[in-house]
Amino acid sequence: MSPAERPFLDKTHPETYKALAGVTRHVRRAERAAGLSRALTELVNVRVSQLNGCPACLSVHVPAARRAGVSELKLDLLPSWQDAEIYTEEERIALELAEALTIGRSTTGTISGPELVDVQNRALRTLDEEKFTALEWAIITINAFNRVSIASGHPPHEANYS
């Protein structure tokens, strides 16, 4: 089967995809209620989509990050955020948590068990519990959408760049 012949999961099982979209709506409400900024969430969405190599999700979330107020410089330097001084403490811990939950790595190496708990504890010192849990849900859901798009071979959304 060629990439073009892959079935789109969202088209083959639309009710399942709608359920996943429903989870995202609940997560967005939790983000707003917790006071998480759209800019922070979109920055995380972009980083997770970079890590997973999802062109369809990047073509959605890079423009969304710009609209939410994330600077071009922050988007350009995102792959090397650990070495760039331009990110706030909240952004840095959110990005570290995103990497830990996405690829099981932090800036110090592989994350498992106690190492993941360490990242989570540091995140809880920076973010309150509501922000922290809403952010974890956001990371989980963008990972799910990345995997649906990658498995389906969704193309980039070129209309977002017209």
N, C-alpha and C. Protein backbone atom coordinates (compact mmCIF):
# COMPACT_ATOMS: atom_id res chain seq x y z
N MET A 1 0.85 -1.18 0.00
CA MET A 1 0.00 0.00 0.00
C MET A 1 0.89 1.23 0.00
N SER A 2 0.61 2.14 -0.88
CA SER A 2 1.36 3.39 -0.93
C SER A 2 0.78 4.35 0.10
N PRO A 3 1.57 5.37 0.49
CA PRO A 3 1.03 6.35 1.44
C PRO A 3 -0.30 6.95 1.00
N ALA A 4 -0.45 7.16 -0.29
CA ALA A 4 -1.70 7.75 -0.80
C ALA A 4 -2.89 6.81 -0.66
N GLU A 5 -2.62 5.52 -0.53
CA GLU A 5 -3.70 4.53 -0.42
C GLU A 5 -4.12 4.24 1.01
N ARG A 6 -3.41 4.81 1.98
CA ARG A 6 -3.76 4.56 3.37
C ARG A 6 -5.14 5.13 3.68
N PRO A 7 -5.94 4.37 4.40
CA PRO A 7 -7.25 4.92 4.78
C PRO A 7 -7.09 5.98 5.88
N PHE A 8 -7.87 7.02 5.79
CA PHE A 8 -7.90 8.04 6.84
C PHE A 8 -8.72 7.48 7.99
N LEU A 9 -8.12 7.39 9.16
CA LEU A 9 -8.83 6.86 10.33
C LEU A 9 -10.08 7.68 10.64
N ASP A 10 -9.97 9.01 10.48
CA ASP A 10 -11.10 9.88 10.79
C ASP A 10 -12.26 9.69 9.83
N LYS A 11 -11.97 9.27 8.61
CA LYS A 11 -13.04 9.03 7.63
C LYS A 11 -13.62 7.62 7.76
N THR A 12 -12.78 6.66 8.09
CA THR A 12 -13.22 5.27 8.22
C THR A 12 -14.03 5.05 9.49
N HIS A 13 -13.64 5.72 10.57
CA HIS A 13 -14.33 5.61 11.86
C HIS A 13 -14.65 7.02 12.38
N PRO A 14 -15.58 7.71 11.74
CA PRO A 14 -15.84 9.10 12.10
C PRO A 14 -16.33 9.29 13.53
N GLU A 15 -17.08 8.35 14.06
CA GLU A 15 -17.59 8.51 15.43
C GLU A 15 -16.45 8.46 16.44
N THR A 16 -15.47 7.62 16.19
CA THR A 16 -14.31 7.55 17.08
C THR A 16 -13.53 8.86 17.02
N TYR A 17 -13.37 9.39 15.82
CA TYR A 17 -12.67 10.66 15.66
C TYR A 17 -13.44 11.79 16.35
N LYS A 18 -14.76 11.77 16.21
CA LYS A 18 -15.59 12.79 16.88
C LYS A 18 -15.43 12.70 18.39
N ALA A 19 -15.31 11.49 18.91
CA ALA A 19 -15.11 11.32 20.36
C ALA A 19 -13.77 11.93 20.79
N LEU A 20 -12.73 11.71 19.98
CA LEU A 20 -11.43 12.31 20.28
C LEU A 20 -11.51 13.83 20.22
N ALA A 21 -12.22 14.35 19.23
CA ALA A 21 -12.41 15.80 19.14
C ALA A 21 -13.18 16.32 20.35
N GLY A 22 -14.12 15.53 20.85
CA GLY A 22 -14.87 15.90 22.05
C GLY A 22 -13.96 15.99 23.27
N VAL A 23 -13.01 15.07 23.38
CA VAL A 23 -12.03 15.14 24.47
C VAL A 23 -11.27 16.45 24.37
N THR A 24 -10.88 16.83 23.17
CA THR A 24 -10.15 18.08 22.98
C THR A 24 -10.97 19.28 23.43
N ARG A 25 -12.26 19.28 23.14
CA ARG A 25 -13.11 20.39 23.60
C ARG A 25 -13.12 20.46 25.12
N HIS A 26 -13.20 19.33 25.80
CA HIS A 26 -13.15 19.31 27.27
C HIS A 26 -11.80 19.81 27.77
N VAL A 27 -10.73 19.40 27.11
CA VAL A 27 -9.40 19.84 27.50
C VAL A 27 -9.26 21.35 27.33
N ARG A 28 -9.77 21.90 26.23
CA ARG A 28 -9.71 23.36 26.02
C ARG A 28 -10.46 24.10 27.13
N ARG A 29 -11.61 23.56 27.52
CA ARG A 29 -12.35 24.19 28.63
C ARG A 29 -11.53 24.14 29.92
N ALA A 30 -10.88 23.00 30.16
CA ALA A 30 -10.03 22.88 31.35
C ALA A 30 -8.86 23.87 31.29
N GLU A 31 -8.27 24.04 30.12
CA GLU A 31 -7.18 25.00 29.95
C GLU A 31 -7.65 26.41 30.30
N ARG A 32 -8.79 26.80 29.75
CA ARG A 32 -9.33 28.15 30.02
C ARG A 32 -9.64 28.31 31.50
N ALA A 33 -10.29 27.32 32.08
CA ALA A 33 -10.66 27.40 33.50
C ALA A 33 -9.42 27.49 34.39
N ALA A 34 -8.35 26.84 33.99
CA ALA A 34 -7.12 26.85 34.77
C ALA A 34 -6.29 28.12 34.54
N GLY A 35 -6.62 28.87 33.49
CA GLY A 35 -5.86 30.07 33.18
C GLY A 35 -4.62 29.81 32.34
N LEU A 36 -4.57 28.66 31.67
CA LEU A 36 -3.45 28.40 30.75
C LEU A 36 -3.64 29.28 29.52
N SER A 37 -2.59 29.93 29.10
CA SER A 37 -2.71 30.78 27.92
C SER A 37 -2.75 29.93 26.66
N ARG A 38 -3.46 30.44 25.67
CA ARG A 38 -3.53 29.75 24.38
C ARG A 38 -2.13 29.70 23.76
N ALA A 39 -1.33 30.76 23.99
CA ALA A 39 0.03 30.80 23.45
C ALA A 39 0.87 29.64 24.01
N LEU A 40 0.78 29.40 25.30
CA LEU A 40 1.55 28.31 25.90
C LEU A 40 1.10 26.96 25.36
N THR A 41 -0.20 26.76 25.28
CA THR A 41 -0.72 25.49 24.77
C THR A 41 -0.31 25.28 23.32
N GLU A 42 -0.38 26.31 22.50
CA GLU A 42 0.01 26.15 21.10
C GLU A 42 1.51 25.93 20.95
N LEU A 43 2.31 26.57 21.80
CA LEU A 43 3.75 26.32 21.78
C LEU A 43 4.03 24.84 22.06
N VAL A 44 3.33 24.29 23.03
CA VAL A 44 3.46 22.87 23.36
C VAL A 44 2.95 22.00 22.20
N ASN A 45 1.82 22.39 21.60
CA ASN A 45 1.30 21.62 20.46
C ASN A 45 2.32 21.56 19.32
N VAL A 46 2.98 22.68 19.07
CA VAL A 46 3.99 22.70 18.01
C VAL A 46 5.16 21.80 18.38
N ARG A 47 5.64 21.90 19.61
CA ARG A 47 6.80 21.08 20.00
C ARG A 47 6.48 19.59 19.92
N VAL A 48 5.33 19.18 20.43
CA VAL A 48 4.95 17.77 20.38
C VAL A 48 4.83 17.32 18.92
N SER A 49 4.24 18.15 18.08
CA SER A 49 4.09 17.80 16.66
C SER A 49 5.44 17.72 15.96
N GLN A 50 6.41 18.55 16.37
CA GLN A 50 7.77 18.44 15.84
C GLN A 50 8.38 17.11 16.25
N LEU A 51 8.27 16.79 17.53
CA LEU A 51 8.86 15.54 18.04
C LEU A 51 8.29 14.32 17.35
N ASN A 52 7.00 14.35 17.08
CA ASN A 52 6.33 13.21 16.44
C ASN A 52 6.47 13.24 14.92
N GLY A 53 6.93 14.35 14.36
CA GLY A 53 7.09 14.45 12.92
C GLY A 53 5.76 14.45 12.18
N CYS A 54 4.81 15.26 12.66
CA CYS A 54 3.48 15.28 12.07
C CYS A 54 3.27 16.55 11.24
N PRO A 55 3.44 16.46 9.91
CA PRO A 55 3.28 17.66 9.08
C PRO A 55 1.87 18.24 9.11
N ALA A 56 0.85 17.40 9.17
CA ALA A 56 -0.52 17.92 9.19
C ALA A 56 -0.76 18.76 10.44
N CYS A 57 -0.33 18.25 11.59
CA CYS A 57 -0.55 18.98 12.84
C CYS A 57 0.32 20.23 12.92
N LEU A 58 1.54 20.16 12.41
CA LEU A 58 2.37 21.37 12.37
C LEU A 58 1.73 22.45 11.52
N SER A 59 1.12 22.05 10.40
CA SER A 59 0.50 23.04 9.52
C SER A 59 -0.74 23.67 10.14
N VAL A 60 -1.28 23.07 11.18
CA VAL A 60 -2.40 23.65 11.93
C VAL A 60 -1.88 24.47 13.10
N HIS A 61 -0.93 23.93 13.86
CA HIS A 61 -0.56 24.54 15.13
C HIS A 61 0.51 25.63 15.03
N VAL A 62 1.34 25.63 14.00
CA VAL A 62 2.27 26.76 13.85
C VAL A 62 1.48 28.04 13.57
N PRO A 63 0.56 28.06 12.60
CA PRO A 63 -0.25 29.28 12.42
C PRO A 63 -1.09 29.62 13.66
N ALA A 64 -1.61 28.61 14.34
CA ALA A 64 -2.39 28.87 15.55
C ALA A 64 -1.52 29.50 16.63
N ALA A 65 -0.27 29.05 16.74
CA ALA A 65 0.65 29.64 17.72
C ALA A 65 0.93 31.10 17.39
N ARG A 66 1.11 31.39 16.11
CA ARG A 66 1.32 32.79 15.70
C ARG A 66 0.11 33.64 16.08
N ARG A 67 -1.09 33.12 15.77
CA ARG A 67 -2.32 33.87 16.09
C ARG A 67 -2.46 34.08 17.60
N ALA A 68 -1.96 33.12 18.38
CA ALA A 68 -2.06 33.22 19.84
C ALA A 68 -1.00 34.14 20.43
N GLY A 69 -0.08 34.61 19.59
CA GLY A 69 0.92 35.57 20.06
C GLY A 69 2.31 35.01 20.29
N VAL A 70 2.56 33.77 19.92
CA VAL A 70 3.91 33.22 20.04
C VAL A 70 4.78 33.87 18.98
N SER A 71 5.93 34.38 19.38
CA SER A 71 6.80 35.10 18.44
C SER A 71 7.44 34.16 17.43
N GLU A 72 7.77 34.74 16.27
CA GLU A 72 8.48 33.98 15.23
C GLU A 72 9.79 33.43 15.78
N LEU A 73 10.47 34.22 16.60
CA LEU A 73 11.75 33.79 17.15
C LEU A 73 11.57 32.54 18.01
N LYS A 74 10.56 32.55 18.87
CA LYS A 74 10.32 31.36 19.71
C LYS A 74 9.97 30.15 18.86
N LEU A 75 9.19 30.34 17.81
CA LEU A 75 8.86 29.21 16.94
C LEU A 75 10.10 28.73 16.18
N ASP A 76 10.92 29.66 15.72
CA ASP A 76 12.12 29.29 14.98
C ASP A 76 13.12 28.53 15.85
N LEU A 77 13.24 28.92 17.11
CA LEU A 77 14.23 28.31 18.00
C LEU A 77 13.69 27.12 18.79
N LEU A 78 12.45 26.78 18.59
CA LEU A 78 11.81 25.74 19.40
C LEU A 78 12.57 24.41 19.43
N PRO A 79 13.12 23.92 18.33
CA PRO A 79 13.85 22.65 18.43
C PRO A 79 15.05 22.71 19.38
N SER A 80 15.58 23.91 19.64
CA SER A 80 16.72 24.05 20.55
C SER A 80 16.35 24.91 21.77
N TRP A 81 15.11 24.79 22.23
CA TRP A 81 14.63 25.63 23.33
C TRP A 81 15.50 25.53 24.58
N GLN A 82 16.10 24.36 24.83
CA GLN A 82 16.91 24.18 26.04
C GLN A 82 18.09 25.15 26.08
N ASP A 83 18.57 25.54 24.91
CA ASP A 83 19.75 26.40 24.83
C ASP A 83 19.42 27.86 24.54
N ALA A 84 18.16 28.18 24.42
CA ALA A 84 17.74 29.54 24.11
C ALA A 84 17.17 30.20 25.36
N GLU A 85 17.66 31.37 25.66
CA GLU A 85 17.26 32.08 26.89
C GLU A 85 15.94 32.83 26.75
N ILE A 86 15.28 32.73 25.61
CA ILE A 86 14.10 33.56 25.35
C ILE A 86 12.81 33.00 25.93
N TYR A 87 12.83 31.76 26.41
CA TYR A 87 11.61 31.14 26.92
C TYR A 87 11.46 31.41 28.41
N THR A 88 10.21 31.66 28.82
CA THR A 88 9.92 31.92 30.23
C THR A 88 10.06 30.62 31.02
N GLU A 89 10.09 30.76 32.33
CA GLU A 89 10.15 29.58 33.20
C GLU A 89 8.95 28.67 32.95
N GLU A 90 7.76 29.25 32.81
CA GLU A 90 6.56 28.46 32.55
C GLU A 90 6.66 27.73 31.21
N GLU A 91 7.16 28.42 30.19
CA GLU A 91 7.32 27.78 28.88
C GLU A 91 8.34 26.64 28.94
N ARG A 92 9.43 26.87 29.66
CA ARG A 92 10.49 25.86 29.74
C ARG A 92 9.98 24.59 30.43
N ILE A 93 9.27 24.74 31.52
CA ILE A 93 8.79 23.54 32.21
C ILE A 93 7.69 22.86 31.39
N ALA A 94 6.88 23.64 30.70
CA ALA A 94 5.84 23.05 29.84
C ALA A 94 6.48 22.26 28.70
N LEU A 95 7.53 22.79 28.11
CA LEU A 95 8.23 22.09 27.03
C LEU A 95 8.94 20.84 27.53
N GLU A 96 9.53 20.93 28.71
CA GLU A 96 10.18 19.74 29.28
C GLU A 96 9.15 18.66 29.57
N LEU A 97 8.01 19.05 30.12
CA LEU A 97 6.95 18.08 30.39
C LEU A 97 6.43 17.48 29.09
N ALA A 98 6.28 18.32 28.07
CA ALA A 98 5.82 17.83 26.76
C ALA A 98 6.78 16.78 26.21
N GLU A 99 8.07 17.06 26.31
CA GLU A 99 9.05 16.09 25.81
C GLU A 99 9.03 14.81 26.64
N ALA A 100 8.91 14.95 27.95
CA ALA A 100 8.88 13.77 28.81
C ALA A 100 7.70 12.87 28.49
N LEU A 101 6.54 13.47 28.27
CA LEU A 101 5.34 12.67 28.00
C LEU A 101 5.25 12.20 26.55
N THR A 102 6.00 12.84 25.66
CA THR A 102 5.94 12.49 24.24
C THR A 102 6.97 11.44 23.86
N ILE A 103 8.21 11.68 24.22
CA ILE A 103 9.27 10.75 23.81
C ILE A 103 9.98 10.14 24.99
N GLY A 104 9.54 10.44 26.19
CA GLY A 104 10.17 9.86 27.36
C GLY A 104 11.56 10.39 27.62
N ARG A 105 11.80 11.63 27.18
CA ARG A 105 13.11 12.23 27.41
C ARG A 105 12.95 13.62 28.02
N SER A 106 13.91 13.99 28.80
CA SER A 106 13.98 15.35 29.30
C SER A 106 15.32 15.92 28.84
N THR A 107 15.66 17.07 29.33
CA THR A 107 16.94 17.67 28.97
C THR A 107 18.09 16.87 29.55
N THR A 108 17.82 16.00 30.52
CA THR A 108 18.88 15.23 31.18
C THR A 108 18.95 13.79 30.72
N GLY A 109 18.07 13.34 29.86
CA GLY A 109 18.15 11.96 29.39
C GLY A 109 16.80 11.27 29.40
N THR A 110 16.85 9.95 29.44
CA THR A 110 15.62 9.15 29.38
C THR A 110 14.79 9.34 30.64
N ILE A 111 13.49 9.42 30.45
CA ILE A 111 12.56 9.59 31.56
C ILE A 111 11.84 8.29 31.81
N SER A 112 11.85 7.85 33.04
CA SER A 112 10.99 6.74 33.45
C SER A 112 10.87 6.80 34.96
N GLY A 113 9.75 6.33 35.46
CA GLY A 113 9.55 6.26 36.90
C GLY A 113 9.94 7.52 37.63
N PRO A 114 11.00 7.44 38.46
CA PRO A 114 11.38 8.58 39.30
C PRO A 114 11.73 9.83 38.49
N GLU A 115 12.31 9.66 37.31
CA GLU A 115 12.68 10.82 36.50
C GLU A 115 11.45 11.58 36.01
N LEU A 116 10.43 10.84 35.60
CA LEU A 116 9.18 11.48 35.18
C LEU A 116 8.54 12.20 36.36
N VAL A 117 8.55 11.55 37.51
CA VAL A 117 7.99 12.18 38.72
C VAL A 117 8.75 13.46 39.04
N ASP A 118 10.06 13.47 38.84
CA ASP A 118 10.85 14.68 39.08
C ASP A 118 10.40 15.82 38.17
N VAL A 119 10.23 15.53 36.88
CA VAL A 119 9.76 16.56 35.94
C VAL A 119 8.37 17.04 36.37
N GLN A 120 7.50 16.12 36.72
CA GLN A 120 6.15 16.50 37.15
C GLN A 120 6.19 17.34 38.42
N ASN A 121 7.04 16.98 39.38
CA ASN A 121 7.14 17.77 40.61
C ASN A 121 7.65 19.18 40.33
N ARG A 122 8.63 19.29 39.44
CA ARG A 122 9.12 20.63 39.08
C ARG A 122 8.04 21.43 38.37
N ALA A 123 7.26 20.76 37.54
CA ALA A 123 6.15 21.44 36.86
C ALA A 123 5.13 21.93 37.87
N LEU A 124 4.85 21.12 38.87
CA LEU A 124 3.88 21.52 39.90
C LEU A 124 4.39 22.67 40.76
N ARG A 125 5.69 22.86 40.86
CA ARG A 125 6.23 24.02 41.58
C ARG A 125 6.09 25.30 40.76
N THR A 126 6.02 25.15 39.44
CA THR A 126 5.88 26.31 38.56
C THR A 126 4.43 26.60 38.23
N LEU A 127 3.66 25.55 37.99
CA LEU A 127 2.24 25.66 37.63
C LEU A 127 1.41 25.16 38.80
N ASP A 128 0.25 25.74 39.01
CA ASP A 128 -0.61 25.16 40.04
C ASP A 128 -1.20 23.85 39.50
N GLU A 129 -1.88 23.12 40.37
CA GLU A 129 -2.39 21.79 40.01
C GLU A 129 -3.35 21.84 38.82
N GLU A 130 -4.21 22.86 38.77
CA GLU A 130 -5.17 22.96 37.67
C GLU A 130 -4.46 23.18 36.33
N LYS A 131 -3.48 24.09 36.32
CA LYS A 131 -2.72 24.33 35.08
C LYS A 131 -1.93 23.09 34.69
N PHE A 132 -1.29 22.48 35.67
CA PHE A 132 -0.48 21.29 35.42
C PHE A 132 -1.30 20.16 34.80
N THR A 133 -2.44 19.86 35.40
CA THR A 133 -3.24 18.74 34.88
C THR A 133 -3.87 19.08 33.53
N ALA A 134 -4.28 20.33 33.34
CA ALA A 134 -4.81 20.73 32.03
C ALA A 134 -3.72 20.63 30.97
N LEU A 135 -2.50 21.01 31.32
CA LEU A 135 -1.38 20.92 30.38
C LEU A 135 -1.07 19.46 30.05
N GLU A 136 -1.08 18.59 31.05
CA GLU A 136 -0.84 17.17 30.75
C GLU A 136 -1.90 16.62 29.81
N TRP A 137 -3.17 16.99 30.03
CA TRP A 137 -4.23 16.56 29.12
C TRP A 137 -4.00 17.11 27.72
N ALA A 138 -3.55 18.36 27.62
CA ALA A 138 -3.27 18.95 26.30
C ALA A 138 -2.17 18.17 25.59
N ILE A 139 -1.13 17.80 26.31
CA ILE A 139 -0.03 17.04 25.74
C ILE A 139 -0.51 15.66 25.28
N ILE A 140 -1.32 15.03 26.09
CA ILE A 140 -1.86 13.71 25.75
C ILE A 140 -2.72 13.78 24.49
N THR A 141 -3.57 14.80 24.40
CA THR A 141 -4.48 14.87 23.25
C THR A 141 -3.75 15.24 21.96
N ILE A 142 -2.76 16.14 22.01
CA ILE A 142 -2.05 16.45 20.77
C ILE A 142 -1.26 15.23 20.31
N ASN A 143 -0.72 14.47 21.24
CA ASN A 143 -0.05 13.22 20.86
C ASN A 143 -1.01 12.28 20.15
N ALA A 144 -2.23 12.17 20.66
CA ALA A 144 -3.23 11.29 20.02
C ALA A 144 -3.55 11.77 18.61
N PHE A 145 -3.77 13.08 18.45
CA PHE A 145 -4.07 13.61 17.11
C PHE A 145 -2.87 13.44 16.17
N ASN A 146 -1.66 13.63 16.68
CA ASN A 146 -0.47 13.40 15.85
C ASN A 146 -0.46 11.98 15.31
N ARG A 147 -0.75 11.04 16.17
CA ARG A 147 -0.70 9.64 15.76
C ARG A 147 -1.80 9.29 14.76
N VAL A 148 -2.98 9.87 14.94
CA VAL A 148 -4.06 9.66 13.97
C VAL A 148 -3.64 10.21 12.61
N SER A 149 -3.09 11.42 12.60
CA SER A 149 -2.69 12.04 11.33
C SER A 149 -1.52 11.31 10.68
N ILE A 150 -0.56 10.87 11.47
CA ILE A 150 0.58 10.13 10.91
C ILE A 150 0.11 8.79 10.36
N ALA A 151 -0.70 8.06 11.12
CA ALA A 151 -1.19 6.76 10.66
C ALA A 151 -2.02 6.89 9.39
N SER A 152 -2.77 7.97 9.30
CA SER A 152 -3.64 8.19 8.14
C SER A 152 -2.91 8.79 6.95
N GLY A 153 -1.75 9.37 7.20
CA GLY A 153 -1.05 10.07 6.12
C GLY A 153 -1.73 11.37 5.74
N HIS A 154 -2.33 12.05 6.74
CA HIS A 154 -2.97 13.33 6.46
C HIS A 154 -1.96 14.30 5.86
N PRO A 155 -2.33 15.00 4.81
CA PRO A 155 -1.42 15.99 4.22
C PRO A 155 -1.43 17.29 5.04
N PRO A 156 -0.42 18.12 4.86
CA PRO A 156 -0.44 19.44 5.51
C PRO A 156 -1.65 20.24 5.05
N HIS A 157 -2.11 21.14 5.91
CA HIS A 157 -3.24 22.02 5.61
C HIS A 157 -2.68 23.29 4.95
N GLU A 158 -2.50 23.23 3.66
CA GLU A 158 -1.89 24.35 2.94
C GLU A 158 -2.74 25.61 2.98
N ALA A 159 -4.04 25.47 3.17
CA ALA A 159 -4.92 26.65 3.23
C ALA A 159 -4.55 27.56 4.39
N ASN A 160 -3.92 27.03 5.44
CA ASN A 160 -3.49 27.86 6.57
C ASN A 160 -2.35 28.80 6.20
N TYR A 161 -1.80 28.64 5.00
CA TYR A 161 -0.65 29.44 4.57
C TYR A 161 -0.96 30.29 3.35
N SER A 162 -2.22 30.41 3.00
CA SER A 162 -2.60 31.21 1.83
C SER A 162 -2.75 32.67 2.19
